[in-house]
Amino acid sequence: MKVTFEDVKKNKAVQTYIRMADESLHAMGYTEHGFAHVERVAETAREILLTLGYSEREAELASIAGYLHDIGNVVNREGHAQSGAVMAFRILDDMGADPEDTATIITAIGNHDESAAFPVNPIAAALLIADKSDVRNSRVRNTDISSFDIHDRVNYAVKENKLKITKDSHIELKLKIDKSMCAVMDYFEIFLQRMILCRKSAEVLGLEFWLMINKQRVI
């Protein structure tokens, strides 16, 4: 059975796991990892593959992986990519999903966290870029600026975020950062490993990854 993105999005168990996973991370002081994040990751991963000429079905698998990628946080932040992949397998299997589709999705989910991430296929590569590029001030939930940690500062400092694939075969993440809130080096302290993963993922897709901060290329 060809399970669709809409099928997954409407699944009550999926909705519950996303909501409760985000509640757990909120309690631990993490930035937003709820519906806004997973919907953005799902749409970005889909658009990356469609722009590069991949099939509608491959793009849909990337969007499903994007929507489900953080459900493992309901178990624990540690190892959430692997627990999320196991949970996604159970959900998709119960929905009667095609085994090859299921395998593709859970492979991408299981390879998205920095501690053990690798862009093993185009779906995984699109998910990694979509997830790691989602840095924005609306993800910060702490309302007390004086108590911001470095993660809060870095996200809150981002005033604009644009990801696009250019005609000369590179993918650009363009950020506008308020330097009064966070230095560029603060950004790299938090996100360097993620940007390296974006570069590796871009290579899998036949692209070069560029990071632009305040109109200056830094990677």
Protein backbone atom coordinates (compact mmCIF):
# COMPACT_ATOMS: atom_id res chain seq x y z
CA MET A 1 0.00 0.00 0.00
CA LYS A 2 1.25 3.49 -0.88
CA VAL A 3 0.82 5.39 2.36
CA THR A 4 0.66 9.13 1.65
CA PHE A 5 1.93 12.14 3.55
CA GLU A 6 -1.67 13.13 4.31
CA ASP A 7 -2.34 9.64 5.70
CA VAL A 8 0.58 10.03 8.10
CA LYS A 9 -0.28 13.61 9.01
CA LYS A 10 -3.85 12.62 9.95
CA ASN A 11 -2.78 9.61 12.03
CA LYS A 12 -3.86 10.18 15.65
CA ALA A 13 -0.90 8.30 17.11
CA VAL A 14 1.54 10.38 15.07
CA GLN A 15 -0.12 13.60 16.23
CA THR A 16 0.10 12.46 19.84
CA TYR A 17 3.77 11.46 19.62
CA ILE A 18 4.79 14.75 18.00
CA ARG A 19 2.91 16.78 20.59
CA MET A 20 4.18 14.86 23.59
CA ALA A 21 7.75 14.68 22.28
CA ASP A 22 7.78 18.46 21.99
CA GLU A 23 6.32 18.80 25.49
CA SER A 24 9.19 16.71 26.85
CA LEU A 25 11.80 18.84 25.08
CA HIS A 26 10.08 22.01 26.26
CA ALA A 27 10.37 20.76 29.84
CA MET A 28 14.11 20.23 29.28
CA GLY A 29 14.58 23.75 27.90
CA TYR A 30 14.97 22.89 24.22
CA THR A 31 13.80 25.06 21.34
CA GLU A 32 10.57 24.19 19.52
CA HIS A 33 10.47 20.70 17.99
CA GLY A 34 6.71 20.45 17.46
CA PHE A 35 4.36 20.71 14.51
CA ALA A 36 5.85 23.95 13.16
CA HIS A 37 9.30 22.34 12.95
CA VAL A 38 8.29 18.98 11.50
CA GLU A 39 5.94 20.54 8.94
CA ARG A 40 8.68 22.89 7.80
CA VAL A 41 11.21 20.06 7.56
CA ALA A 42 8.73 17.89 5.64
CA GLU A 43 7.97 20.64 3.12
CA THR A 44 11.63 21.64 2.68
CA ALA A 45 12.79 18.05 2.14
CA ARG A 46 10.03 17.56 -0.44
CA GLU A 47 10.89 20.76 -2.29
CA ILE A 48 14.60 19.92 -2.40
CA LEU A 49 13.96 16.65 -4.21
CA LEU A 50 11.31 18.03 -6.55
CA THR A 51 13.59 20.91 -7.54
CA LEU A 52 16.33 18.41 -8.36
CA GLY A 53 14.03 16.32 -10.56
CA TYR A 54 13.33 13.40 -8.25
CA SER A 55 9.95 11.70 -8.57
CA GLU A 56 6.81 12.81 -6.75
CA ARG A 57 6.91 9.58 -4.75
CA GLU A 58 10.52 10.07 -3.65
CA ALA A 59 9.65 13.61 -2.61
CA GLU A 60 6.65 12.31 -0.68
CA LEU A 61 8.79 9.76 1.16
CA ALA A 62 11.14 12.60 2.14
CA SER A 63 8.18 14.60 3.46
CA ILE A 64 6.94 11.62 5.49
CA ALA A 65 10.42 11.12 6.95
CA GLY A 66 10.55 14.83 7.75
CA TYR A 67 7.21 14.76 9.51
CA LEU A 68 8.11 11.70 11.61
CA HIS A 69 11.80 12.39 12.21
CA ASP A 70 11.54 13.69 15.79
CA ILE A 71 8.90 11.38 17.31
CA GLY A 72 11.65 9.48 19.16
CA ASN A 73 12.00 12.46 21.49
CA VAL A 74 8.91 11.14 23.26
CA VAL A 75 11.15 8.33 24.54
CA ASN A 76 14.30 10.34 25.27
CA ARG A 77 16.44 12.95 23.55
CA GLU A 78 19.39 10.56 23.70
CA GLY A 79 19.17 8.17 20.76
CA HIS A 80 15.95 9.75 19.51
CA ALA A 81 16.80 9.10 15.86
CA GLN A 82 17.02 5.36 16.41
CA SER A 83 13.99 5.12 18.71
CA GLY A 84 12.08 7.31 16.27
CA ALA A 85 12.96 4.99 13.39
CA VAL A 86 11.64 2.00 15.34
CA MET A 87 8.45 3.88 16.22
CA ALA A 88 8.00 4.96 12.60
CA PHE A 89 8.40 1.35 11.47
CA ARG A 90 5.60 0.25 13.79
CA ILE A 91 3.31 3.08 12.67
CA LEU A 92 3.92 2.54 8.96
CA ASP A 93 3.66 -1.22 9.26
CA ASP A 94 0.32 -0.88 11.04
CA MET A 95 -0.84 1.40 8.23
CA GLY A 96 0.06 -1.26 5.68
CA ALA A 97 2.87 0.69 4.05
CA ASP A 98 4.99 -0.87 1.34
CA PRO A 99 8.10 -2.43 2.99
CA GLU A 100 10.52 -0.68 0.62
CA ASP A 101 8.92 2.69 1.35
CA THR A 102 9.03 1.95 5.08
CA ALA A 103 12.69 0.98 4.89
CA THR A 104 13.57 4.17 3.01
CA ILE A 105 11.75 6.36 5.56
CA ILE A 106 13.15 4.72 8.68
CA THR A 107 16.67 4.76 7.22
CA ALA A 108 16.42 8.53 6.79
CA ILE A 109 15.01 9.00 10.30
CA GLY A 110 17.63 6.77 11.89
CA ASN A 111 20.42 8.74 10.22
CA HIS A 112 19.34 12.32 10.98
CA ASP A 113 20.86 13.01 14.42
CA GLU A 114 24.36 14.52 14.55
CA SER A 115 25.79 11.82 16.82
CA ALA A 116 25.33 9.10 14.18
CA ALA A 117 24.08 10.90 11.08
CA PHE A 118 25.00 10.08 7.50
CA PRO A 119 23.24 10.91 4.21
CA VAL A 120 22.94 7.30 3.05
CA ASN A 121 20.52 8.10 0.21
CA PRO A 122 18.83 11.14 -1.38
CA ILE A 123 15.84 10.99 1.00
CA ALA A 124 18.17 10.99 4.02
CA ALA A 125 20.22 13.81 2.47
CA ALA A 126 17.14 15.96 1.88
CA LEU A 127 15.94 15.32 5.44
CA LEU A 128 19.31 16.27 6.92
CA ILE A 129 19.50 19.55 5.02
CA ALA A 130 15.89 20.43 5.82
CA ASP A 131 16.30 19.65 9.52
CA LYS A 132 19.69 21.23 10.14
CA SER A 133 18.82 24.41 8.24
CA ASP A 134 15.73 25.14 10.37
CA VAL A 135 17.23 27.84 12.56
CA ARG A 136 14.90 30.78 13.31
CA ASN A 137 13.92 33.03 16.17
CA SER A 138 10.37 31.65 16.38
CA ARG A 139 11.77 28.36 17.70
CA VAL A 140 12.90 30.07 20.93
CA ARG A 141 10.35 29.56 23.71
CA ASN A 142 12.20 31.25 26.54
CA THR A 143 10.66 34.73 26.93
CA ASP A 144 13.37 36.02 29.29
CA ILE A 145 16.20 37.27 27.07
CA SER A 146 18.45 37.81 30.09
CA SER A 147 18.40 34.06 30.78
CA PHE A 148 19.09 32.91 27.19
CA ASP A 149 21.64 30.15 26.78
CA ILE A 150 23.76 29.95 23.62
CA HIS A 151 21.12 27.88 21.77
CA ASP A 152 18.48 30.51 22.52
CA ARG A 153 20.78 33.35 21.47
CA VAL A 154 21.79 31.74 18.20
CA ASN A 155 18.23 30.95 17.14
CA TYR A 156 16.82 34.26 18.36
CA ALA A 157 19.48 36.18 16.47
CA VAL A 158 18.32 34.80 13.11
CA LYS A 159 16.05 37.41 11.52
CA GLU A 160 15.85 35.86 8.05
CA ASN A 161 16.37 32.31 6.79
CA LYS A 162 16.25 31.33 3.12
CA LEU A 163 17.25 28.00 1.58
CA LYS A 164 17.42 27.74 -2.18
CA ILE A 165 18.99 25.70 -4.95
CA THR A 166 20.70 27.88 -7.54
CA LYS A 167 21.14 27.34 -11.27
CA ASP A 168 24.88 26.73 -10.87
CA SER A 169 24.36 23.55 -8.82
CA HIS A 170 24.74 24.68 -5.27
CA ILE A 171 22.32 24.96 -2.39
CA GLU A 172 22.49 28.13 -0.32
CA LEU A 173 21.41 28.64 3.26
CA LYS A 174 21.17 32.42 3.62
CA LEU A 175 20.89 33.79 7.15
CA LYS A 176 20.53 37.33 8.38
CA ILE A 177 21.86 37.47 11.94
CA ASP A 178 21.55 40.22 14.51
CA LYS A 179 25.16 40.46 15.69
CA SER A 180 24.12 42.36 18.80
CA MET A 181 22.39 39.17 19.95
CA CYS A 182 24.94 36.59 18.81
CA ALA A 183 28.39 36.59 17.24
CA VAL A 184 29.01 34.56 14.11
CA MET A 185 31.40 32.38 16.14
CA ASP A 186 28.53 31.55 18.52
CA TYR A 187 26.62 30.24 15.52
CA PHE A 188 29.53 28.02 14.53
CA GLU A 189 29.98 26.73 18.07
CA ILE A 190 26.46 25.31 17.94
CA PHE A 191 25.97 24.54 14.27
CA LEU A 192 29.34 23.65 12.73
CA GLN A 193 28.71 19.90 12.86
CA ARG A 194 25.26 20.42 11.40
CA MET A 195 26.64 22.50 8.54
CA ILE A 196 29.23 19.81 7.80
CA LEU A 197 26.34 17.33 7.55
CA CYS A 198 24.56 19.70 5.18
CA ARG A 199 27.67 19.81 3.01
CA LYS A 200 27.93 16.00 2.92
CA SER A 201 24.22 15.75 2.16
CA ALA A 202 24.49 18.27 -0.66
CA GLU A 203 27.27 16.19 -2.21
CA VAL A 204 24.98 13.12 -2.23
CA LEU A 205 22.49 15.23 -4.18
CA GLY A 206 25.15 16.43 -6.62
CA LEU A 207 25.30 19.92 -5.13
CA GLU A 208 27.73 22.19 -3.33
CA PHE A 209 26.55 23.60 0.00
CA TRP A 210 27.03 27.30 0.73
CA LEU A 211 26.32 28.99 4.05
CA MET A 212 25.80 32.74 3.71
CA ILE A 213 25.65 34.87 6.85
CA ASN A 214 24.77 38.53 6.39
CA LYS A 215 25.54 38.22 2.66
CA GLN A 216 29.02 36.79 3.27
CA ARG A 217 29.87 33.21 2.36
CA VAL A 218 31.38 31.45 5.39
CA ILE A 219 31.22 27.83 4.13
